[in-house]
């Protein structure tokens, strides 16, 4: 077997300077990270995922000051103090409008990415964030709390789009051997965004009566940076070739992203994917649910997305404050403990970037859910015994940290935030994130069905998110620490499903993954030889064919 280095060939077994090893016609080269690919990943994640995470956590610390602003504004308008029940309603709306907007944003994914492209959707999405940032940042000057509630809806729409489009965009641009690592980058920036909001939200920085409008308004800066820089990078090559039918633009985009001229192997693999699904055409959400060939892929993303939200992270953070206080942490120091937990989240998600390609997606999901289920089970015991056994408080802390590590490396995708008036905000900061499910959606669906799949996955995520926020406090009131046994059962069920159904997708092309799932769905797809014979030749191959005919 010969090795291909750009346009050069060598019979040696060493890897070329570009990191390309030609393996077979449809087994694409192993490739190294290039500067354009790294930059587009960082800009996309910083401009979208970072502020998604930022807005998850940003209202937690300044919650008491924002509620006081609501009350003061109402008093100035009416001359009477705000009724406590009305204040509770307003604050509940402030918090719950974010996941509701996220659901709306998820429903917009399919039409926007198909009509505006992946990059175009991200650029348009920035306008939501910038508008919301301006409204929130000026709300105190304008003496209106209504715009904060409206802005939370708008930021939710932004988050719903960002959480689905960024993984799709980066997954389609990445070579197969880097797709997992690059797919984790958006989740890494979500955790960094949460940590940034926690740090800036400290009472000594911006989490105070004077600084909270600035804290809310800072979210527009990453969007502005992305709006100014992302246009200089290419659109998804798969979108350009398969959906727009423009091979020339797709080839130029690939050449820039890969760092060399010869990208025929990837072009041909895209044609193979295009040909294999041409008869079905573009999938809508309805056709996705009725198409037998995607049955197990669809069930898998629903299970993983629901499992990530129903696995108990709300409960862990609800009990976090009382756990640390029982271990001797002062109430005034709890916010610093929260920052420390955010830092652990960042470190573990960063670790996932480096291990996802070596260990694989499936093993990280299984390990993450296993760790979460074990933590929930032991935490139930520890919480029930911590008033009678002194060292149980420390075991509870270990369980909290172990649970966070488990979530960070695998199970869940995206976070939310919900705060009940009268409860310290840091106690229930929901940070249920993890890197793998979005990567799996990108890999388990082909180009025609991927937007609809992200729309379904995102909708399940936000609906589950909203449901947990709605019912958890009632569960806690009725069951107390035994709520974690329900979460433990959900984690175990999801883990068993992944073990028996979800395949490993590491280092496989989209078509190879499609063949694996076709066997499970008991459907037939065209063999690659038939497809290969029907491809149009790329320009490089046309030149090669012409040269051969002239000789």
Protein backbone atom coordinates (compact mmCIF):
# COMPACT_ATOMS: atom_id res chain seq x y z
CA UNK A 1 0.00 0.00 0.00
CA UNK A 2 1.36 3.38 -0.93
CA UNK A 3 1.23 6.44 1.23
CA UNK A 4 -0.04 9.73 -0.13
CA UNK A 5 1.41 13.04 1.06
CA UNK A 6 -0.55 15.73 -0.66
CA UNK A 7 0.35 15.10 -4.33
CA UNK A 8 3.48 13.13 -3.46
CA UNK A 9 3.63 9.38 -3.06
CA UNK A 10 6.00 7.24 -1.05
CA UNK A 11 6.20 3.55 -0.35
CA UNK A 12 7.56 4.18 3.13
CA UNK A 13 5.39 3.54 6.17
CA UNK A 14 6.11 6.82 7.94
CA UNK A 15 3.51 9.52 8.27
CA UNK A 16 3.82 12.52 5.99
CA UNK A 17 4.42 16.06 7.22
CA UNK A 18 0.72 16.82 6.89
CA UNK A 19 -0.20 13.73 8.87
CA UNK A 20 -1.95 11.99 5.97
CA UNK A 21 -1.96 8.24 5.58
CA UNK A 22 -3.84 6.91 2.57
CA UNK A 23 -5.51 3.67 3.59
CA UNK A 24 -8.12 2.80 0.93
CA UNK A 25 -10.52 4.50 -1.41
CA UNK A 26 -13.26 4.95 1.17
CA UNK A 27 -11.10 4.80 4.31
CA UNK A 28 -10.15 8.44 4.62
CA UNK A 29 -6.70 9.68 5.68
CA UNK A 30 -5.72 10.19 9.29
CA UNK A 31 -5.16 13.91 9.58
CA UNK A 32 -3.64 16.38 12.00
CA UNK A 33 -5.18 19.56 13.30
CA UNK A 34 -4.60 22.54 11.02
CA UNK A 35 -4.67 26.19 12.04
CA UNK A 36 -7.84 27.08 10.04
CA UNK A 37 -9.72 24.10 11.52
CA UNK A 38 -8.58 24.97 15.06
CA UNK A 39 -9.54 28.63 14.62
CA UNK A 40 -13.00 27.93 13.23
CA UNK A 41 -13.64 25.52 16.12
CA UNK A 42 -12.51 28.07 18.71
CA UNK A 43 -14.40 30.99 17.15
CA UNK A 44 -17.62 28.96 16.76
CA UNK A 45 -17.41 27.62 20.31
CA UNK A 46 -16.45 30.92 21.90
CA UNK A 47 -19.05 32.96 20.03
CA UNK A 48 -21.90 30.53 20.67
CA UNK A 49 -21.22 27.78 23.21
CA UNK A 50 -19.32 30.00 25.66
CA UNK A 51 -22.15 32.42 26.13
CA UNK A 52 -24.69 29.63 26.20
CA UNK A 53 -22.90 28.39 29.31
CA UNK A 54 -22.47 31.95 30.54
CA UNK A 55 -26.21 32.60 30.42
CA UNK A 56 -26.94 29.33 32.20
CA UNK A 57 -25.20 30.57 35.34
CA UNK A 58 -25.22 34.34 35.05
CA UNK A 59 -28.45 35.05 36.98
CA UNK A 60 -27.61 32.80 39.92
CA UNK A 61 -25.33 35.07 41.95
CA UNK A 62 -27.15 38.40 41.39
CA UNK A 63 -30.61 36.84 41.87
CA UNK A 64 -31.36 38.69 45.18
CA UNK A 65 -30.35 42.05 43.67
CA UNK A 66 -32.38 41.46 40.52
CA UNK A 67 -35.43 40.54 42.59
CA UNK A 68 -34.95 43.71 44.61
CA UNK A 69 -34.84 45.65 41.33
CA UNK A 70 -38.14 44.03 40.30
CA UNK A 71 -39.71 45.06 43.59
CA UNK A 72 -38.30 48.60 43.51
CA UNK A 73 -39.45 49.18 39.93
CA UNK A 74 -42.94 47.95 40.73
CA UNK A 75 -43.06 50.20 43.80
CA UNK A 76 -42.04 53.26 41.74
CA UNK A 77 -44.76 52.52 39.19
CA UNK A 78 -47.66 51.70 41.49
CA UNK A 79 -46.75 53.17 44.86
CA UNK A 80 -47.26 49.82 46.62
CA UNK A 81 -44.79 46.98 47.25
CA UNK A 82 -44.92 43.95 45.01
CA UNK A 83 -46.90 41.03 46.36
CA UNK A 84 -44.63 38.10 47.24
CA UNK A 85 -46.62 35.69 45.08
CA UNK A 86 -46.33 38.03 42.10
CA UNK A 87 -42.60 38.38 42.69
CA UNK A 88 -42.29 34.60 42.76
CA UNK A 89 -44.18 34.42 39.47
CA UNK A 90 -41.96 37.04 37.83
CA UNK A 91 -38.76 35.36 38.96
CA UNK A 92 -40.01 31.95 37.91
CA UNK A 93 -40.72 33.41 34.47
CA UNK A 94 -37.25 34.96 34.36
CA UNK A 95 -35.68 31.57 34.95
CA UNK A 96 -38.05 29.33 32.99
CA UNK A 97 -38.12 31.50 29.87
CA UNK A 98 -34.56 30.43 29.08
CA UNK A 99 -35.34 26.70 28.55
CA UNK A 100 -38.63 27.64 26.86
CA UNK A 101 -36.70 29.81 24.42
CA UNK A 102 -34.26 26.92 24.01
CA UNK A 103 -37.13 24.73 22.85
CA UNK A 104 -38.17 27.38 20.31
CA UNK A 105 -34.58 27.63 19.12
CA UNK A 106 -34.34 23.86 18.67
CA UNK A 107 -37.49 23.91 16.54
CA UNK A 108 -35.80 26.48 14.26
CA UNK A 109 -32.72 24.33 13.60
CA UNK A 110 -34.01 22.28 10.68
CA UNK A 111 -35.36 25.10 8.47
CA UNK A 112 -32.49 27.49 9.24
CA UNK A 113 -29.52 25.18 8.62
CA UNK A 114 -31.07 23.90 5.39
CA UNK A 115 -31.85 27.37 4.02
CA UNK A 116 -29.08 29.52 5.52
CA UNK A 117 -26.33 26.95 5.94
CA UNK A 118 -24.49 26.09 9.12
CA UNK A 119 -22.22 29.13 9.17
CA UNK A 120 -25.03 31.42 8.02
CA UNK A 121 -27.26 30.22 10.87
CA UNK A 122 -24.54 30.93 13.43
CA UNK A 123 -24.04 34.44 12.05
CA UNK A 124 -27.78 35.18 12.14
CA UNK A 125 -27.98 33.70 15.64
CA UNK A 126 -25.49 36.28 16.90
CA UNK A 127 -28.11 38.97 16.34
CA UNK A 128 -30.35 37.35 18.98
CA UNK A 129 -27.57 37.43 21.54
CA UNK A 130 -26.44 40.99 20.83
CA UNK A 131 -30.01 42.31 20.99
CA UNK A 132 -30.69 40.48 24.26
CA UNK A 133 -27.40 41.71 25.77
CA UNK A 134 -28.24 45.33 24.99
CA UNK A 135 -31.72 44.99 26.48
CA UNK A 136 -30.51 43.28 29.66
CA UNK A 137 -27.58 45.63 30.11
CA UNK A 138 -29.80 48.72 29.92
CA UNK A 139 -32.79 47.33 31.84
CA UNK A 140 -31.92 49.10 35.09
CA UNK A 141 -31.44 52.45 33.36
CA UNK A 142 -34.75 51.98 31.56
CA UNK A 143 -36.39 50.87 34.82
CA UNK A 144 -38.10 47.89 33.25
CA UNK A 145 -37.89 44.27 34.34
CA UNK A 146 -40.12 43.07 31.51
CA UNK A 147 -37.25 43.33 29.01
CA UNK A 148 -35.16 41.00 31.18
CA UNK A 149 -37.85 38.34 30.92
CA UNK A 150 -38.17 38.94 27.18
CA UNK A 151 -34.40 38.84 26.78
CA UNK A 152 -34.22 35.50 28.57
CA UNK A 153 -36.58 34.10 25.91
CA UNK A 154 -34.37 35.56 23.17
CA UNK A 155 -31.21 34.15 24.82
CA UNK A 156 -32.97 30.80 25.07
CA UNK A 157 -33.64 30.86 21.32
CA UNK A 158 -29.97 31.67 20.81
CA UNK A 159 -28.96 28.78 23.10
CA UNK A 160 -31.33 26.33 21.40
CA UNK A 161 -29.83 27.12 18.01
CA UNK A 162 -26.23 27.28 19.24
CA UNK A 163 -26.37 24.00 21.14
CA UNK A 164 -27.42 22.16 17.97
CA UNK A 165 -25.79 24.06 15.10
CA UNK A 166 -22.25 24.37 16.48
CA UNK A 167 -21.76 20.59 16.97
CA UNK A 168 -23.30 19.97 13.54
CA UNK A 169 -21.09 22.60 11.89
CA UNK A 170 -17.85 21.40 13.48
CA UNK A 171 -18.71 17.71 13.06
CA UNK A 172 -19.21 18.16 9.32
CA UNK A 173 -15.93 20.08 8.96
CA UNK A 174 -13.78 17.65 10.95
CA UNK A 175 -11.85 14.66 9.61
CA UNK A 176 -13.02 11.38 11.08
CA UNK A 177 -10.03 10.93 13.40
CA UNK A 178 -10.55 14.39 14.95
CA UNK A 179 -14.35 14.52 14.92
CA UNK A 180 -14.73 13.41 18.52
CA UNK A 181 -12.13 15.77 19.94
CA UNK A 182 -13.42 18.76 17.97
CA UNK A 183 -16.98 17.77 18.86
CA UNK A 184 -16.12 18.10 22.55
CA UNK A 185 -14.83 21.67 22.10
CA UNK A 186 -18.33 23.29 22.21
CA UNK A 187 -19.06 21.51 25.49
CA UNK A 188 -15.70 22.61 26.86
CA UNK A 189 -16.60 26.22 26.12
CA UNK A 190 -19.99 25.76 27.78
CA UNK A 191 -18.20 24.81 30.99
CA UNK A 192 -15.78 27.71 30.57
CA UNK A 193 -18.75 30.04 30.09
CA UNK A 194 -20.36 28.78 33.29
CA UNK A 195 -17.09 29.20 35.17
CA UNK A 196 -16.63 32.73 33.80
CA UNK A 197 -20.14 33.68 34.94
CA UNK A 198 -19.47 32.21 38.38
CA UNK A 199 -16.22 34.14 38.76
CA UNK A 200 -17.60 37.43 37.45
CA UNK A 201 -20.71 36.84 39.55
CA UNK A 202 -18.78 36.84 42.82
CA UNK A 203 -20.10 39.53 45.16
CA UNK A 204 -16.73 41.26 45.11
CA UNK A 205 -16.76 41.59 41.30
CA UNK A 206 -20.10 42.05 39.47
CA UNK A 207 -22.54 39.93 41.48
CA UNK A 208 -23.78 42.90 43.47
CA UNK A 209 -26.42 45.66 43.36
CA UNK A 210 -24.35 47.90 41.07
CA UNK A 211 -22.72 45.35 38.79
CA UNK A 212 -25.48 42.94 37.77
CA UNK A 213 -26.61 44.88 34.63
CA UNK A 214 -23.01 44.80 33.36
CA UNK A 215 -22.80 41.10 34.22
CA UNK A 216 -25.87 40.41 32.07
CA UNK A 217 -24.78 42.68 29.22
CA UNK A 218 -21.34 41.13 28.78
CA UNK A 219 -22.89 38.21 26.91
CA UNK A 220 -22.99 40.22 23.69
CA UNK A 221 -19.20 40.53 23.38
CA UNK A 222 -18.49 36.92 22.24
CA UNK A 223 -21.28 37.20 19.67
CA UNK A 224 -19.86 40.43 18.31
CA UNK A 225 -16.42 38.81 17.97
CA UNK A 226 -17.92 35.82 16.15
CA UNK A 227 -19.99 38.07 13.88
CA UNK A 228 -16.81 39.91 12.81
CA UNK A 229 -14.51 36.90 12.38
CA UNK A 230 -16.54 33.84 11.30
CA UNK A 231 -17.29 35.22 7.78
CA UNK A 232 -13.58 34.76 6.96
CA UNK A 233 -13.88 30.97 7.39
CA UNK A 234 -15.52 28.45 5.03
CA UNK A 235 -18.99 26.96 5.23
CA UNK A 236 -19.38 23.24 5.96
CA UNK A 237 -17.96 21.39 2.92
CA UNK A 238 -20.63 18.70 3.22
CA UNK A 239 -23.37 21.32 3.10
CA UNK A 240 -21.78 22.97 0.07
CA UNK A 241 -21.45 19.74 -1.92
CA UNK A 242 -24.39 17.60 -0.84
CA UNK A 243 -27.06 20.23 -0.29
CA UNK A 244 -25.89 23.08 -2.54
CA UNK A 245 -24.32 20.89 -5.22
CA UNK A 246 -21.22 23.11 -5.46
CA UNK A 247 -18.19 20.84 -5.67
CA UNK A 248 -15.79 23.71 -6.41
CA UNK A 249 -16.64 25.59 -3.19
CA UNK A 250 -16.63 22.36 -1.19
CA UNK A 251 -13.19 21.48 -2.58
CA UNK A 252 -11.76 24.91 -1.74
CA UNK A 253 -13.21 24.71 1.77
CA UNK A 254 -11.68 21.27 2.32
CA UNK A 255 -8.32 22.34 0.94
CA UNK A 256 -8.20 25.25 3.35
CA UNK A 257 -9.32 23.17 6.33
CA UNK A 258 -6.98 20.24 5.61
CA UNK A 259 -3.94 22.24 4.55
CA UNK A 260 -3.24 20.46 1.24
CA UNK A 261 -4.56 20.31 -2.31
CA UNK A 262 -5.52 16.66 -2.77
CA UNK A 263 -8.90 16.21 -1.06
CA UNK A 264 -10.39 13.82 -3.62
CA UNK A 265 -10.85 11.03 -1.07
CA UNK A 266 -13.17 13.16 1.08
CA UNK A 267 -14.98 14.53 -1.98
CA UNK A 268 -15.68 11.00 -3.15
CA UNK A 269 -16.85 9.94 0.31
CA UNK A 270 -19.32 12.85 0.25
CA UNK A 271 -20.59 11.73 -3.15
CA UNK A 272 -21.04 8.26 -1.72
CA UNK A 273 -23.13 9.66 1.12
CA UNK A 274 -25.11 11.85 -1.30
CA UNK A 275 -25.85 8.93 -3.61
CA UNK A 276 -26.87 6.56 -0.82
CA UNK A 277 -29.62 8.87 0.39
CA UNK A 278 -30.73 10.57 -2.83
CA UNK A 279 -33.88 8.47 -3.13
CA UNK A 280 -35.13 9.58 0.29
CA UNK A 281 -34.42 13.30 -0.22
CA UNK A 282 -34.32 15.78 2.67
CA UNK A 283 -35.88 14.50 5.87
CA UNK A 284 -38.45 16.45 7.82
CA UNK A 285 -39.08 15.63 11.46
CA UNK A 286 -42.22 13.68 10.50
CA UNK A 287 -40.44 11.60 7.87
CA UNK A 288 -37.61 10.98 10.34
CA UNK A 289 -40.08 9.34 12.72
CA UNK A 290 -41.63 7.20 9.98
CA UNK A 291 -38.49 6.05 8.15
CA UNK A 292 -37.51 2.50 9.10
CA UNK A 293 -33.88 2.96 8.08
CA UNK A 294 -33.29 5.48 10.89
CA UNK A 295 -35.39 3.87 13.60
CA UNK A 296 -32.62 2.90 16.02
CA UNK A 297 -30.65 6.10 15.44
CA UNK A 298 -33.73 8.13 16.39
CA UNK A 299 -34.49 6.03 19.47
CA UNK A 300 -30.85 6.32 20.52
CA UNK A 301 -30.72 10.11 20.46
CA UNK A 302 -34.04 10.34 22.31
CA UNK A 303 -32.77 7.98 25.03
CA UNK A 304 -29.43 9.75 25.36
CA UNK A 305 -30.90 13.26 25.36
CA UNK A 306 -33.61 12.35 27.87
CA UNK A 307 -31.16 10.39 29.99
CA UNK A 308 -28.75 13.30 30.23
CA UNK A 309 -31.43 15.60 31.65
CA UNK A 310 -33.19 13.08 33.89
CA UNK A 311 -30.05 11.68 35.50
CA UNK A 312 -30.18 13.75 38.69
CA UNK A 313 -27.88 16.71 38.38
CA UNK A 314 -30.59 19.06 39.66
CA UNK A 315 -30.73 17.06 42.87
CA UNK A 316 -26.96 17.00 43.28
CA UNK A 317 -26.71 20.78 43.10
CA UNK A 318 -29.85 21.28 45.16
CA UNK A 319 -28.22 19.44 48.05
CA UNK A 320 -24.71 20.78 47.41
CA UNK A 321 -24.88 23.75 49.81
CA UNK A 322 -26.23 21.80 52.77
CA UNK A 323 -23.68 19.04 52.12
CA UNK A 324 -20.76 21.47 52.23
CA UNK A 325 -22.19 23.33 55.20
CA UNK A 326 -22.57 20.09 57.15
CA UNK A 327 -18.89 19.41 56.43
CA UNK A 328 -17.94 22.74 58.04
CA UNK A 329 -17.82 25.12 55.05
CA UNK A 330 -18.95 28.61 56.03
CA UNK A 331 -22.04 30.02 54.28
CA UNK A 332 -20.03 33.01 53.08
CA UNK A 333 -17.60 30.66 51.32
CA UNK A 334 -20.20 28.60 49.44
CA UNK A 335 -19.89 30.78 46.32
CA UNK A 336 -16.18 29.94 46.16
CA UNK A 337 -17.02 26.25 46.46
CA UNK A 338 -19.40 26.70 43.53
CA UNK A 339 -16.57 28.24 41.50
CA UNK A 340 -14.37 25.28 42.43
CA UNK A 341 -17.03 22.87 41.18
CA UNK A 342 -17.20 24.85 37.93
CA UNK A 343 -13.42 24.54 37.62
CA UNK A 344 -13.63 20.76 38.08
CA UNK A 345 -16.21 20.70 35.29
CA UNK A 346 -13.86 22.56 32.96
CA UNK A 347 -10.89 20.33 33.76
CA UNK A 348 -12.82 17.10 33.23
CA UNK A 349 -14.38 18.30 29.96
CA UNK A 350 -10.92 19.37 28.78
CA UNK A 351 -9.71 15.88 29.62
CA UNK A 352 -12.50 14.48 27.45
CA UNK A 353 -11.10 16.44 24.48
CA UNK A 354 -7.88 14.44 24.73
CA UNK A 355 -9.29 11.00 25.53
CA UNK A 356 -12.40 10.79 23.35
CA UNK A 357 -10.42 9.71 20.27
CA UNK A 358 -8.34 7.14 22.17
CA UNK A 359 -11.05 5.61 24.38
CA UNK A 360 -14.00 6.21 22.07
CA UNK A 361 -17.47 7.72 22.53
CA UNK A 362 -19.21 4.61 23.80
CA UNK A 363 -16.83 3.87 26.64
CA UNK A 364 -17.01 7.47 27.88
CA UNK A 365 -20.81 7.36 27.88
CA UNK A 366 -20.86 4.06 29.74
CA UNK A 367 -18.24 5.18 32.26
CA UNK A 368 -20.03 8.49 32.81
CA UNK A 369 -23.45 6.96 33.45
CA UNK A 370 -21.91 4.24 35.63
CA UNK A 371 -20.18 6.85 37.79
CA UNK A 372 -23.37 8.95 38.01
CA UNK A 373 -25.53 5.96 38.99
CA UNK A 374 -23.07 4.81 41.66
CA UNK A 375 -22.80 8.36 43.02
CA UNK A 376 -26.60 8.69 43.25
CA UNK A 377 -26.93 5.38 45.09
CA UNK A 378 -24.19 6.12 47.62
CA UNK A 379 -25.35 9.73 48.04
CA UNK A 380 -28.82 8.48 49.04
CA UNK A 381 -27.23 6.48 51.86
CA UNK A 382 -24.87 9.27 52.89
CA UNK A 383 -27.57 11.95 53.05
CA UNK A 384 -29.79 9.76 55.21
CA UNK A 385 -26.98 8.97 57.64
CA UNK A 386 -25.04 12.24 57.78
CA UNK A 387 -26.93 13.46 60.88
CA UNK A 388 -25.98 10.31 62.81
CA UNK A 389 -22.58 9.40 61.32
CA UNK A 390 -20.17 12.33 61.28
CA UNK A 391 -17.96 11.21 58.39
CA UNK A 392 -20.95 10.75 56.05
CA UNK A 393 -20.76 14.48 55.22
CA UNK A 394 -17.36 13.92 53.67
CA UNK A 395 -18.63 10.88 51.78
CA UNK A 396 -21.40 13.11 50.41
CA UNK A 397 -18.79 15.58 49.14
CA UNK A 398 -16.93 12.75 47.42
CA UNK A 399 -20.19 11.64 45.78
CA UNK A 400 -20.91 15.16 44.53
CA UNK A 401 -17.44 15.46 42.99
CA UNK A 402 -17.63 11.95 41.50
CA UNK A 403 -21.03 12.75 40.00
CA UNK A 404 -19.70 15.96 38.42
CA UNK A 405 -16.76 14.05 36.93
CA UNK A 406 -19.11 11.40 35.52
CA UNK A 407 -21.33 14.01 33.92
CA UNK A 408 -18.44 15.99 32.52
CA UNK A 409 -16.88 13.08 30.65
CA UNK A 410 -19.97 11.63 29.08
CA UNK A 411 -23.69 11.62 29.85
CA UNK A 412 -25.22 15.01 29.31
CA UNK A 413 -25.04 17.65 26.67
CA UNK A 414 -26.19 21.06 27.75
CA UNK A 415 -27.01 22.90 30.93
CA UNK A 416 -29.81 25.01 32.25
CA UNK A 417 -30.43 27.04 35.37
CA UNK A 418 -33.36 27.45 37.68
CA UNK A 419 -33.58 29.29 40.98
CA UNK A 420 -36.48 29.33 43.39
CA UNK A 421 -36.97 32.64 45.21
CA UNK A 422 -35.84 32.33 48.79
CA UNK A 423 -33.32 29.58 48.02
CA UNK A 424 -29.68 30.50 47.65
CA UNK A 425 -28.94 30.63 43.97
CA UNK A 426 -25.71 28.70 44.06
CA UNK A 427 -27.41 25.71 45.63
CA UNK A 428 -29.27 24.62 42.53
CA UNK A 429 -27.13 25.82 39.68
CA UNK A 430 -27.77 23.07 37.18
CA UNK A 431 -24.56 22.36 35.29
CA UNK A 432 -25.43 19.07 33.69
CA UNK A 433 -23.07 19.01 30.79
CA UNK A 434 -20.99 16.50 29.01
CA UNK A 435 -19.52 16.22 25.56
CA UNK A 436 -20.63 13.04 23.85
CA UNK A 437 -24.35 13.05 22.82
CA UNK A 438 -24.05 15.92 20.33
CA UNK A 439 -21.07 14.19 18.73
CA UNK A 440 -23.13 11.01 18.42
CA UNK A 441 -26.01 12.82 16.70
CA UNK A 442 -23.58 14.21 14.13
CA UNK A 443 -22.11 10.79 13.47
CA UNK A 444 -25.21 8.58 13.48
CA UNK A 445 -27.13 10.59 10.86
CA UNK A 446 -26.25 11.48 7.28
CA UNK A 447 -26.49 14.90 5.70
CA UNK A 448 -30.15 14.75 4.68
CA UNK A 449 -31.40 13.63 8.11
CA UNK A 450 -28.90 15.38 10.41
CA UNK A 451 -30.74 18.75 10.75
CA UNK A 452 -34.03 17.02 11.63
CA UNK A 453 -32.17 14.75 14.07
CA UNK A 454 -30.63 17.73 15.86
CA UNK A 455 -34.06 19.33 15.96
CA UNK A 456 -35.52 16.24 17.64
CA UNK A 457 -32.57 15.82 20.00
CA UNK A 458 -32.62 19.47 20.99
CA UNK A 459 -36.37 19.42 21.59
CA UNK A 460 -36.11 16.32 23.80
CA UNK A 461 -33.27 17.98 25.71
CA UNK A 462 -35.13 21.20 26.42
CA UNK A 463 -38.46 19.49 27.18
CA UNK A 464 -36.73 17.15 29.65
CA UNK A 465 -34.87 20.14 31.03
CA UNK A 466 -38.11 22.02 31.59
CA UNK A 467 -39.81 18.95 33.11
CA UNK A 468 -37.04 18.39 35.66
CA UNK A 469 -37.13 22.04 36.67
CA UNK A 470 -40.88 21.79 37.10
CA UNK A 471 -41.13 18.60 39.14
CA UNK A 472 -37.90 18.24 41.08
CA UNK A 473 -38.83 20.42 44.05
CA UNK A 474 -42.04 18.39 44.42
CA UNK A 475 -40.01 15.17 44.27
CA UNK A 476 -37.64 16.50 46.91
CA UNK A 477 -40.53 17.52 49.15
CA UNK A 478 -42.12 14.08 48.91
CA UNK A 479 -39.11 11.78 48.78
CA UNK A 480 -36.20 13.79 50.13
CA UNK A 481 -32.82 12.13 49.48
CA UNK A 482 -34.60 9.04 48.13
CA UNK A 483 -35.15 11.07 44.94
CA UNK A 484 -31.65 9.98 43.98
CA UNK A 485 -32.78 6.36 43.69
CA UNK A 486 -35.06 7.40 40.82
CA UNK A 487 -32.13 9.18 39.16
CA UNK A 488 -29.95 6.14 39.77
CA UNK A 489 -32.49 3.93 37.97
CA UNK A 490 -32.60 6.33 35.01
CA UNK A 491 -28.79 6.32 34.77
CA UNK A 492 -28.66 2.50 34.88
CA UNK A 493 -31.41 2.17 32.26
CA UNK A 494 -29.67 4.61 29.91
CA UNK A 495 -26.33 2.87 30.45
CA UNK A 496 -27.81 -0.54 29.59
CA UNK A 497 -29.42 0.84 26.45
CA UNK A 498 -26.08 2.31 25.30
CA UNK A 499 -24.29 -0.96 26.07
CA UNK A 500 -26.66 -3.10 24.00
CA UNK A 501 -27.65 -0.71 21.18
CA UNK A 502 -25.28 2.22 20.57
CA UNK A 503 -22.20 1.33 18.47
CA UNK A 504 -18.72 2.76 18.76
CA UNK A 505 -18.27 5.47 16.10
CA UNK A 506 -14.64 6.39 16.74
CA UNK A 507 -12.53 6.84 13.61
CA UNK A 508 -15.33 5.80 11.24
CA UNK A 509 -16.73 7.70 8.28
CA UNK A 510 -20.40 8.68 8.26
CA UNK A 511 -21.09 5.98 5.68
CA UNK A 512 -19.36 3.28 7.73
CA UNK A 513 -21.51 4.21 10.73
CA UNK A 514 -24.57 4.21 8.47
CA UNK A 515 -23.80 0.63 7.39
CA UNK A 516 -23.51 -0.50 11.02
CA UNK A 517 -26.89 1.01 11.88
CA UNK A 518 -28.47 -0.35 8.67
CA UNK A 519 -27.81 -3.88 9.93
CA UNK A 520 -29.53 -3.08 13.22
CA UNK A 521 -32.46 -1.49 11.35
CA UNK A 522 -32.57 -4.56 9.05
CA UNK A 523 -32.44 -2.50 5.89
CA UNK A 524 -30.15 -2.74 2.89
CA UNK A 525 -28.01 0.03 1.46
CA UNK A 526 -26.16 0.13 -1.84
CA UNK A 527 -22.71 -1.37 -1.86
CA UNK A 528 -19.82 1.06 -2.16
CA UNK A 529 -18.67 -0.51 -5.48
CA UNK A 530 -21.96 0.39 -7.15
CA UNK A 531 -21.80 3.84 -5.70
CA UNK A 532 -18.20 4.37 -6.66
CA UNK A 533 -18.92 3.59 -10.29
CA UNK A 534 -21.67 6.22 -10.38
CA UNK A 535 -19.69 9.14 -8.90
CA UNK A 536 -18.82 12.16 -11.02
CA UNK A 537 -15.05 12.51 -11.18
CA UNK A 538 -13.49 15.30 -9.19
CA UNK A 539 -11.18 17.71 -11.00
CA UNK A 540 -8.03 15.99 -9.76
CA UNK A 541 -9.26 12.61 -11.00
CA UNK A 542 -10.32 14.12 -14.32
CA UNK A 543 -6.72 15.30 -14.77
CA UNK A 544 -5.40 11.85 -13.82
CA UNK A 545 -7.81 10.14 -16.23
CA UNK A 546 -6.86 12.55 -19.02
CA UNK A 547 -3.14 11.99 -18.40
CA UNK A 548 -3.64 8.23 -18.52
CA UNK A 549 -5.53 8.40 -21.81
CA UNK A 550 -2.83 10.54 -23.42
CA UNK A 551 -0.05 8.10 -22.48
